[in-house]
Amino acid sequence: MIVAPSILSADFNNLGRDTRMVNNSAAGLIHIDVMDGVFVPNISFGFPVIKAVSKIAEKPLDVHLMIVDPQRYISQVRDCGAEIMNVHQEACTHLHRTVEAIKAAGMKAAVTLNPATPVETLRDIIAELHMVLLMSVDPGFGGQKFIPTTIGKIRRLRTLIAETGSSALIEIDGGITLENAPSVSAAGADIIVAGNTVFSAQNPAETIRRLSEA
């Protein structure tokens, strides 16, 4: 299991320290949640913070844009050092155009689905994607409880990937714990995003290791 610690839950007074901890851990990615207060009811941080993290990070940056009109910021996300640009299906009127523009900019394209959005909406584009992120909480805030129906949704997405010949990875974000990570893995997920579970732990690096073995 690939673990992508979310720096939204890091100590912002010690962001460099926490980023270096992730560098030295079993994590495979660094997950960065950007919120605009419009698409989701919260505001997090923007490009200056992403760029600062990228100067320290030794793991690829997975930038998750919970914002309206994310296609306006493709070049800025690339210039901040992102390897993966992750946009919401619900925020993109012309999703195919946005995905192609992300790839043309030299990044891997990922698409996120909110909990109530069916995986079938991606059937005609999933073969073009590096990754699909399923939100297992309603986006906007950290620390929420995992939505149990996500397990069935992971299985449906795994079936869709097989039916379409896609090689897309499945990422899960929201309410991931040491207790539910094995069920998420068994359902077919490749990557789990973990925020509070990692950064509130007494030993974050050990928690990342345990999650990676789920």
Protein backbone atom coordinates (compact mmCIF):
# COMPACT_ATOMS: atom_id res chain seq x y z
CA MET A 1 0.00 0.00 0.00
CA ILE A 2 1.30 3.44 -0.93
CA VAL A 3 0.79 5.97 1.87
CA ALA A 4 0.38 9.67 1.04
CA PRO A 5 0.52 11.73 4.25
CA SER A 6 -1.57 14.89 3.96
CA ILE A 7 0.29 17.97 5.13
CA LEU A 8 -3.05 19.64 5.82
CA SER A 9 -2.75 17.93 9.21
CA ALA A 10 0.92 18.79 9.74
CA ASP A 11 2.16 21.34 12.26
CA PHE A 12 2.35 24.52 10.19
CA ASN A 13 4.78 26.00 12.68
CA ASN A 14 7.10 23.12 11.84
CA LEU A 15 6.20 22.30 8.25
CA GLY A 16 9.81 21.76 7.25
CA ARG A 17 10.34 19.32 10.10
CA ASP A 18 7.18 17.37 9.23
CA THR A 19 8.07 17.25 5.53
CA ARG A 20 11.50 15.84 6.38
CA MET A 21 9.83 13.23 8.58
CA VAL A 22 7.80 12.11 5.56
CA ASN A 23 10.98 12.08 3.45
CA ASN A 24 12.54 9.63 5.89
CA SER A 25 9.46 7.43 6.21
CA ALA A 26 7.90 4.61 4.18
CA ALA A 27 5.51 7.10 2.51
CA GLY A 28 5.32 7.06 -1.29
CA LEU A 29 3.78 10.49 -1.88
CA ILE A 30 3.13 13.79 -0.15
CA HIS A 31 -0.53 14.79 -0.45
CA ILE A 32 -1.31 18.51 -0.63
CA ASP A 33 -4.92 19.66 -0.21
CA VAL A 34 -5.74 23.07 -1.72
CA MET A 35 -9.15 24.50 -0.72
CA ASP A 36 -10.68 27.73 -1.97
CA GLY A 37 -13.66 28.29 0.32
CA VAL A 38 -15.99 28.05 -2.69
CA PHE A 39 -15.92 24.47 -3.97
CA VAL A 40 -15.52 23.34 -0.35
CA PRO A 41 -16.45 25.26 2.82
CA ASN A 42 -12.89 25.83 3.97
CA ILE A 43 -9.65 27.55 2.91
CA SER A 44 -6.28 25.86 3.31
CA PHE A 45 -3.22 27.25 1.51
CA GLY A 46 -1.95 28.10 -1.95
CA PHE A 47 1.06 28.09 -4.22
CA PRO A 48 3.65 29.69 -1.89
CA VAL A 49 3.19 26.85 0.61
CA ILE A 50 3.31 24.17 -2.12
CA LYS A 51 6.51 25.67 -3.49
CA ALA A 52 8.07 25.80 -0.03
CA VAL A 53 7.25 22.13 0.57
CA SER A 54 8.59 21.16 -2.87
CA LYS A 55 12.00 22.60 -2.01
CA ILE A 56 12.30 20.15 0.88
CA ALA A 57 10.25 17.19 -0.32
CA GLU A 58 11.99 14.06 -1.56
CA LYS A 59 8.70 12.29 -2.30
CA PRO A 60 6.51 13.16 -5.32
CA LEU A 61 3.87 15.83 -4.66
CA ASP A 62 0.23 14.80 -5.17
CA VAL A 63 -1.61 18.15 -5.38
CA HIS A 64 -5.35 17.80 -4.78
CA LEU A 65 -7.26 20.90 -5.89
CA MET A 66 -10.59 21.25 -4.12
CA ILE A 67 -11.33 24.43 -6.02
CA VAL A 68 -13.56 25.77 -8.78
CA ASP A 69 -12.12 26.01 -12.30
CA PRO A 70 -8.87 24.16 -11.51
CA GLN A 71 -7.84 24.32 -15.17
CA ARG A 72 -6.88 27.97 -14.62
CA TYR A 73 -3.95 26.92 -12.45
CA ILE A 74 -2.29 24.10 -14.37
CA SER A 75 0.91 25.99 -15.09
CA GLN A 76 1.18 27.27 -11.51
CA VAL A 77 0.76 23.76 -10.09
CA ARG A 78 3.45 22.46 -12.43
CA ASP A 79 5.79 25.30 -11.56
CA CYS A 80 5.38 24.47 -7.86
CA GLY A 81 6.90 21.07 -8.49
CA ALA A 82 3.83 18.83 -8.56
CA GLU A 83 4.13 15.40 -10.14
CA ILE A 84 0.39 14.67 -9.93
CA MET A 85 -2.37 17.24 -10.41
CA ASN A 86 -5.67 16.04 -9.01
CA VAL A 87 -8.93 17.80 -9.99
CA HIS A 88 -12.53 17.14 -9.02
CA GLN A 89 -14.84 15.78 -11.68
CA GLU A 90 -17.57 17.97 -10.16
CA ALA A 91 -15.48 21.13 -10.66
CA CYS A 92 -14.61 20.61 -14.34
CA THR A 93 -17.14 21.44 -17.03
CA HIS A 94 -14.81 20.07 -19.71
CA LEU A 95 -13.00 17.30 -17.88
CA HIS A 96 -11.32 15.74 -20.92
CA ARG A 97 -9.82 19.09 -21.92
CA THR A 98 -8.52 19.64 -18.40
CA VAL A 99 -6.99 16.16 -18.19
CA GLU A 100 -5.25 16.60 -21.54
CA ALA A 101 -3.90 20.01 -20.50
CA ILE A 102 -2.48 18.56 -17.27
CA LYS A 103 -0.68 15.87 -19.21
CA ALA A 104 0.56 18.35 -21.82
CA ALA A 105 2.06 20.38 -18.96
CA GLY A 106 4.16 17.37 -18.00
CA MET A 107 2.20 16.15 -14.96
CA LYS A 108 0.25 12.99 -14.26
CA ALA A 109 -3.52 13.56 -14.38
CA ALA A 110 -5.79 12.42 -11.57
CA VAL A 111 -9.50 12.93 -11.02
CA THR A 112 -11.35 12.98 -7.70
CA LEU A 113 -14.95 11.93 -7.04
CA ASN A 114 -17.00 13.15 -4.10
CA PRO A 115 -18.77 10.50 -2.00
CA ALA A 116 -22.11 10.85 -3.85
CA THR A 117 -20.61 10.84 -7.37
CA PRO A 118 -20.83 7.42 -9.09
CA VAL A 119 -17.64 5.90 -10.50
CA GLU A 120 -19.47 5.27 -13.79
CA THR A 121 -19.14 8.99 -14.63
CA LEU A 122 -15.48 8.29 -15.46
CA ARG A 123 -16.05 5.40 -17.87
CA ASP A 124 -15.23 7.43 -20.99
CA ILE A 125 -12.05 9.01 -19.60
CA ILE A 126 -10.59 6.61 -17.07
CA ALA A 127 -8.17 5.12 -19.61
CA GLU A 128 -6.54 8.57 -19.83
CA LEU A 129 -5.95 8.88 -16.08
CA HIS A 130 -2.97 8.06 -13.90
CA MET A 131 -5.14 7.91 -10.78
CA VAL A 132 -8.68 8.20 -9.45
CA LEU A 133 -9.17 9.56 -5.94
CA LEU A 134 -12.33 8.53 -4.11
CA MET A 135 -13.26 10.84 -1.26
CA SER A 136 -14.27 8.75 1.74
CA VAL A 137 -15.52 11.85 3.57
CA ASP A 138 -17.24 14.98 2.28
CA PRO A 139 -14.32 17.23 1.31
CA GLY A 140 -13.41 20.40 3.16
CA PHE A 141 -12.24 19.38 6.61
CA GLY A 142 -9.77 16.95 8.15
CA GLY A 143 -10.62 14.63 10.99
CA GLN A 144 -13.94 13.32 9.65
CA LYS A 145 -15.17 9.73 9.95
CA PHE A 146 -14.74 7.30 7.07
CA ILE A 147 -17.93 6.71 5.03
CA PRO A 148 -18.41 2.90 5.06
CA THR A 149 -20.05 2.72 1.62
CA THR A 150 -16.68 3.71 0.16
CA ILE A 151 -15.64 0.04 0.36
CA GLY A 152 -18.25 -0.97 -2.21
CA LYS A 153 -17.34 2.04 -4.34
CA ILE A 154 -13.68 0.94 -4.42
CA ARG A 155 -14.77 -2.47 -5.69
CA ARG A 156 -16.96 -0.89 -8.39
CA LEU A 157 -14.07 1.32 -9.48
CA ARG A 158 -11.73 -1.68 -9.62
CA THR A 159 -14.26 -3.42 -11.89
CA LEU A 160 -14.53 -0.34 -14.12
CA ILE A 161 -10.75 -0.16 -14.46
CA ALA A 162 -10.65 -3.81 -15.52
CA GLU A 163 -13.52 -3.39 -17.99
CA THR A 164 -11.94 -0.38 -19.69
CA GLY A 165 -8.36 -1.63 -19.75
CA SER A 166 -7.26 1.36 -17.69
CA SER A 167 -4.09 1.31 -15.60
CA ALA A 168 -5.36 4.00 -13.23
CA LEU A 169 -4.41 3.71 -9.58
CA ILE A 170 -7.08 4.01 -6.88
CA GLU A 171 -6.45 6.50 -4.08
CA ILE A 172 -8.69 6.91 -1.01
CA ASP A 173 -8.85 10.10 1.06
CA GLY A 174 -10.71 10.74 4.29
CA GLY A 175 -10.97 9.13 7.69
CA ILE A 176 -8.25 6.55 7.06
CA THR A 177 -7.08 4.85 10.27
CA LEU A 178 -4.97 1.87 11.24
CA GLU A 179 -8.24 0.03 11.86
CA ASN A 180 -9.94 0.56 8.49
CA ALA A 181 -6.87 0.63 6.22
CA PRO A 182 -6.83 -3.19 5.79
CA SER A 183 -10.45 -3.17 4.54
CA VAL A 184 -9.63 -0.36 2.11
CA SER A 185 -6.64 -2.32 0.85
CA ALA A 186 -8.62 -5.55 0.52
CA ALA A 187 -11.28 -3.77 -1.55
CA GLY A 188 -8.66 -2.83 -4.13
CA ALA A 189 -7.14 0.53 -3.21
CA ASP A 190 -3.53 1.26 -4.20
CA ILE A 191 -2.94 4.49 -2.26
CA ILE A 192 -4.29 5.85 1.03
CA VAL A 193 -4.15 9.47 2.13
CA ALA A 194 -3.68 9.88 5.87
CA GLY A 195 -3.66 13.16 7.74
CA ASN A 196 -4.70 13.14 11.38
CA THR A 197 -3.84 9.46 11.77
CA VAL A 198 -0.21 10.23 10.87
CA PHE A 199 0.41 13.68 12.28
CA SER A 200 -1.41 13.20 15.59
CA ALA A 201 0.46 9.96 16.31
CA GLN A 202 3.22 9.81 18.91
CA ASN A 203 5.42 8.21 16.27
CA PRO A 204 4.26 9.42 12.82
CA ALA A 205 6.92 7.52 10.87
CA GLU A 206 5.98 4.24 12.59
CA THR A 207 2.32 4.93 11.83
CA ILE A 208 3.15 5.43 8.15
CA ARG A 209 5.02 2.12 8.16
CA ARG A 210 2.07 0.30 9.70
CA LEU A 211 -0.35 1.85 7.20
CA SER A 212 1.92 0.80 4.32
CA GLU A 213 1.62 -2.81 5.47
CA ALA A 214 -2.20 -2.78 5.46
